[in-house]
């Protein structure tokens, strides 16, 4: 039997949660509803979801605080998080992404947009079927085991950062525009802004640390590349 992706909806408005749940069910997913951070944590402790739809404004802890907490815990670190919010300001989007969200959906949103974004984060969580290990300088990525090491030490990456690094390492020294990266890493990018690429590159560099992070270069006006010979800052 085909696995039904389990989607945790953390939303305090029952009407919105029910509408989302109905659409997810109709599209082969298994929605679970939690109305606040405590009940969401109970659901996560019971069964780890495949993705989390997280409302920004919640009673008690905010969605941003919850995203930050789940990103900081080993068990939930790799679970994709999509922020749901009525806030459309650029600064709010960036703070949501900085807290650890993989994507951002502003209410009101269409069912097609929601489903496309959920499918995209689920696909990013499942890397391309590949048994290869790619190496560059002191960096090694084992696609089958979903592991990254820098000079033999493990590096913890979220699902999007892993796929981004995998793509860059398979095409070293080549410059990729934000649009090309959206195409190859994000897939369903019709609703995703180019700014999202910058946030994930920043997060990738931070996770890799100063030495390995320097291998991921910004090429002004063109995009990003990974290089074995980083230029001195």
Protein backbone atom coordinates (compact mmCIF):
# COMPACT_ATOMS: atom_id res chain seq x y z
CA UNK A 1 0.00 0.00 0.00
CA UNK A 2 1.30 3.42 -0.98
CA UNK A 3 2.51 5.58 1.91
CA UNK A 4 0.15 8.47 2.64
CA UNK A 5 2.26 11.49 3.66
CA UNK A 6 1.31 12.48 7.21
CA UNK A 7 0.87 16.26 7.37
CA UNK A 8 0.59 17.96 10.78
CA UNK A 9 -1.58 21.10 10.56
CA UNK A 10 -0.84 23.47 13.46
CA UNK A 11 -3.65 26.02 13.18
CA UNK A 12 -5.92 27.50 15.88
CA UNK A 13 -8.82 28.36 13.53
CA UNK A 14 -10.91 25.17 13.10
CA UNK A 15 -12.54 26.32 9.84
CA UNK A 16 -9.18 26.88 8.13
CA UNK A 17 -7.73 23.64 9.54
CA UNK A 18 -10.75 21.64 8.35
CA UNK A 19 -10.59 23.18 4.86
CA UNK A 20 -6.89 22.29 4.56
CA UNK A 21 -7.49 18.79 5.96
CA UNK A 22 -10.29 18.04 3.46
CA UNK A 23 -8.09 19.10 0.53
CA UNK A 24 -5.13 17.07 1.78
CA UNK A 25 -7.32 13.97 2.24
CA UNK A 26 -8.70 14.32 -1.30
CA UNK A 27 -5.13 14.38 -2.59
CA UNK A 28 -3.88 11.21 -0.91
CA UNK A 29 -2.41 12.72 2.26
CA UNK A 30 -3.15 12.00 5.92
CA UNK A 31 -3.79 15.26 7.79
CA UNK A 32 -3.51 15.55 11.58
CA UNK A 33 -4.74 18.70 13.33
CA UNK A 34 -3.27 20.40 16.39
CA UNK A 35 -4.59 23.76 17.61
CA UNK A 36 -1.54 24.89 19.58
CA UNK A 37 2.12 24.13 20.27
CA UNK A 38 1.47 21.72 23.14
CA UNK A 39 -0.94 19.50 21.19
CA UNK A 40 1.38 19.70 18.15
CA UNK A 41 4.27 18.47 20.30
CA UNK A 42 2.15 15.55 21.54
CA UNK A 43 1.38 14.55 17.93
CA UNK A 44 5.07 14.80 16.98
CA UNK A 45 6.09 12.73 20.02
CA UNK A 46 3.57 10.04 19.02
CA UNK A 47 4.29 9.86 15.27
CA UNK A 48 6.79 12.00 13.35
CA UNK A 49 4.97 13.75 10.48
CA UNK A 50 6.30 13.96 6.91
CA UNK A 51 5.72 17.73 6.88
CA UNK A 52 4.32 20.44 9.17
CA UNK A 53 1.97 23.27 8.13
CA UNK A 54 2.55 25.81 10.88
CA UNK A 55 0.46 28.93 11.47
CA UNK A 56 2.41 32.04 12.46
CA UNK A 57 -0.14 33.32 15.01
CA UNK A 58 -0.97 30.70 17.63
CA UNK A 59 -2.13 30.85 21.25
CA UNK A 60 0.85 30.42 23.59
CA UNK A 61 4.02 29.89 21.59
CA UNK A 62 4.17 31.52 18.15
CA UNK A 63 4.76 29.48 15.03
CA UNK A 64 8.20 31.07 14.65
CA UNK A 65 9.20 29.96 18.18
CA UNK A 66 7.95 26.42 17.48
CA UNK A 67 9.80 26.28 14.14
CA UNK A 68 13.01 27.36 15.85
CA UNK A 69 12.55 24.73 18.57
CA UNK A 70 11.81 21.86 16.17
CA UNK A 71 14.75 22.84 13.95
CA UNK A 72 17.01 22.67 17.01
CA UNK A 73 16.00 19.12 17.99
CA UNK A 74 17.65 16.13 16.30
CA UNK A 75 14.39 14.18 15.84
CA UNK A 76 12.51 17.00 14.09
CA UNK A 77 15.43 18.76 12.38
CA UNK A 78 14.79 17.23 8.95
CA UNK A 79 10.96 17.53 8.93
CA UNK A 80 9.92 20.15 6.34
CA UNK A 81 8.04 23.14 7.83
CA UNK A 82 5.74 25.41 5.82
CA UNK A 83 4.68 28.63 7.59
CA UNK A 84 1.04 29.70 7.12
CA UNK A 85 0.34 33.34 7.76
CA UNK A 86 -1.65 36.42 6.87
CA UNK A 87 1.59 38.42 7.09
CA UNK A 88 2.90 39.17 3.62
CA UNK A 89 5.70 41.57 4.49
CA UNK A 90 9.18 40.73 3.23
CA UNK A 91 10.68 41.11 6.73
CA UNK A 92 8.15 38.62 8.15
CA UNK A 93 8.90 36.14 5.37
CA UNK A 94 12.61 36.34 6.06
CA UNK A 95 12.14 35.92 9.84
CA UNK A 96 9.93 32.85 9.17
CA UNK A 97 12.59 31.35 6.90
CA UNK A 98 15.36 32.29 9.32
CA UNK A 99 13.49 30.46 12.10
CA UNK A 100 13.84 27.28 10.07
CA UNK A 101 10.78 27.19 7.80
CA UNK A 102 11.37 25.58 4.39
CA UNK A 103 8.65 27.59 2.72
CA UNK A 104 6.11 30.32 3.38
CA UNK A 105 2.45 30.56 2.33
CA UNK A 106 0.48 33.79 2.76
CA UNK A 107 -3.27 33.56 3.43
CA UNK A 108 -5.50 33.50 1.51
CA UNK A 109 -3.90 30.84 -0.69
CA UNK A 110 -5.30 28.56 -3.39
CA UNK A 111 -5.58 24.81 -2.88
CA UNK A 112 -3.35 24.28 -5.93
CA UNK A 113 -0.64 26.50 -4.45
CA UNK A 114 -0.79 24.73 -1.08
CA UNK A 115 -0.61 21.25 -2.64
CA UNK A 116 2.21 22.25 -5.01
CA UNK A 117 4.30 23.57 -2.13
CA UNK A 118 3.65 20.53 0.09
CA UNK A 119 4.57 18.16 -2.75
CA UNK A 120 7.72 20.19 -3.42
CA UNK A 121 8.97 19.98 0.19
CA UNK A 122 8.11 16.26 0.35
CA UNK A 123 10.06 15.67 -2.85
CA UNK A 124 13.04 17.63 -1.53
CA UNK A 125 12.99 15.43 1.57
CA UNK A 126 13.45 12.39 -0.66
CA UNK A 127 16.70 12.98 -2.52
CA UNK A 128 17.12 11.72 -6.06
CA UNK A 129 17.71 7.99 -5.99
CA UNK A 130 21.47 7.81 -6.02
CA UNK A 131 24.02 5.56 -4.40
CA UNK A 132 26.92 7.90 -5.08
CA UNK A 133 29.24 9.64 -2.68
CA UNK A 134 30.39 13.03 -3.97
CA UNK A 135 33.53 14.68 -2.60
CA UNK A 136 35.02 18.15 -2.96
CA UNK A 137 38.01 19.46 -1.01
CA UNK A 138 37.32 18.11 2.52
CA UNK A 139 33.56 17.82 1.96
CA UNK A 140 31.87 14.44 1.35
CA UNK A 141 28.17 13.79 0.67
CA UNK A 142 26.80 10.24 0.79
CA UNK A 143 23.45 10.39 -1.04
CA UNK A 144 22.32 6.87 -0.07
CA UNK A 145 22.95 7.35 3.66
CA UNK A 146 21.86 11.03 3.54
CA UNK A 147 25.09 12.03 5.33
CA UNK A 148 27.48 14.94 4.92
CA UNK A 149 30.93 15.18 6.50
CA UNK A 150 33.55 17.92 6.54
CA UNK A 151 37.09 16.61 7.10
CA UNK A 152 35.55 13.46 8.57
CA UNK A 153 33.21 15.26 10.99
CA UNK A 154 29.43 14.95 10.46
CA UNK A 155 27.47 18.01 9.33
CA UNK A 156 23.73 18.25 10.11
CA UNK A 157 21.67 19.67 7.23
CA UNK A 158 17.93 20.16 6.73
CA UNK A 159 16.28 18.51 3.67
CA UNK A 160 16.45 21.55 1.39
CA UNK A 161 20.07 22.36 2.28
CA UNK A 162 21.03 18.71 1.66
CA UNK A 163 19.48 18.70 -1.81
CA UNK A 164 21.00 22.12 -2.61
CA UNK A 165 24.48 20.94 -1.58
CA UNK A 166 24.05 17.67 -3.48
CA UNK A 167 23.19 19.53 -6.69
CA UNK A 168 26.07 22.02 -6.32
CA UNK A 169 28.58 19.23 -5.55
CA UNK A 170 27.48 17.24 -8.61
CA UNK A 171 28.25 20.33 -10.75
CA UNK A 172 31.37 21.85 -9.14
CA UNK A 173 32.91 25.10 -10.41
CA UNK A 174 29.76 25.91 -12.43
CA UNK A 175 27.75 29.03 -11.70
CA UNK A 176 24.01 28.45 -11.29
CA UNK A 177 21.49 31.30 -11.32
CA UNK A 178 18.78 31.44 -8.66
CA UNK A 179 16.24 30.47 -11.32
CA UNK A 180 18.28 27.39 -12.31
CA UNK A 181 18.58 26.37 -8.65
CA UNK A 182 14.81 26.80 -8.16
CA UNK A 183 14.29 24.56 -11.20
CA UNK A 184 16.70 21.82 -10.17
CA UNK A 185 16.43 21.84 -6.36
CA UNK A 186 12.93 23.12 -5.61
CA UNK A 187 11.04 21.66 -8.59
CA UNK A 188 7.55 23.18 -8.22
CA UNK A 189 8.96 26.69 -8.02
CA UNK A 190 6.06 28.52 -9.64
CA UNK A 191 5.08 29.96 -6.24
CA UNK A 192 8.58 30.26 -4.77
CA UNK A 193 10.50 33.52 -4.77
CA UNK A 194 14.16 33.78 -5.77
CA UNK A 195 14.89 35.33 -2.35
CA UNK A 196 14.20 31.89 -0.85
CA UNK A 197 17.36 30.58 -2.57
CA UNK A 198 19.47 33.21 -0.78
CA UNK A 199 18.05 32.22 2.62
CA UNK A 200 18.81 28.52 2.06
CA UNK A 201 22.33 29.24 0.78
CA UNK A 202 22.93 31.31 3.93
CA UNK A 203 21.58 28.44 6.07
CA UNK A 204 23.75 25.92 4.18
CA UNK A 205 26.89 28.00 4.81
CA UNK A 206 26.05 28.38 8.50
CA UNK A 207 25.54 24.61 8.88
CA UNK A 208 28.80 23.81 7.07
CA UNK A 209 30.79 26.21 9.26
CA UNK A 210 33.28 28.92 8.22
CA UNK A 211 35.83 26.72 6.38
CA UNK A 212 33.44 24.48 4.39
CA UNK A 213 30.91 27.31 4.00
CA UNK A 214 33.55 29.32 2.12
CA UNK A 215 33.43 26.69 -0.68
CA UNK A 216 29.91 27.94 -1.56
CA UNK A 217 30.56 31.19 -3.40
CA UNK A 218 28.25 34.02 -4.42
CA UNK A 219 29.05 35.16 -7.95
CA UNK A 220 27.77 38.73 -8.01
CA UNK A 221 25.03 39.28 -10.55
CA UNK A 222 25.09 35.63 -11.68
CA UNK A 223 24.25 33.23 -8.85
CA UNK A 224 26.09 30.60 -6.81
CA UNK A 225 28.74 27.94 -7.30
CA UNK A 226 30.69 25.47 -5.21
CA UNK A 227 34.44 25.49 -5.72
CA UNK A 228 37.41 23.54 -4.41
CA UNK A 229 39.47 26.73 -4.59
CA UNK A 230 37.53 29.43 -2.73
CA UNK A 231 38.75 32.99 -3.23
CA UNK A 232 39.94 34.69 -0.06
CA UNK A 233 37.28 36.98 1.37
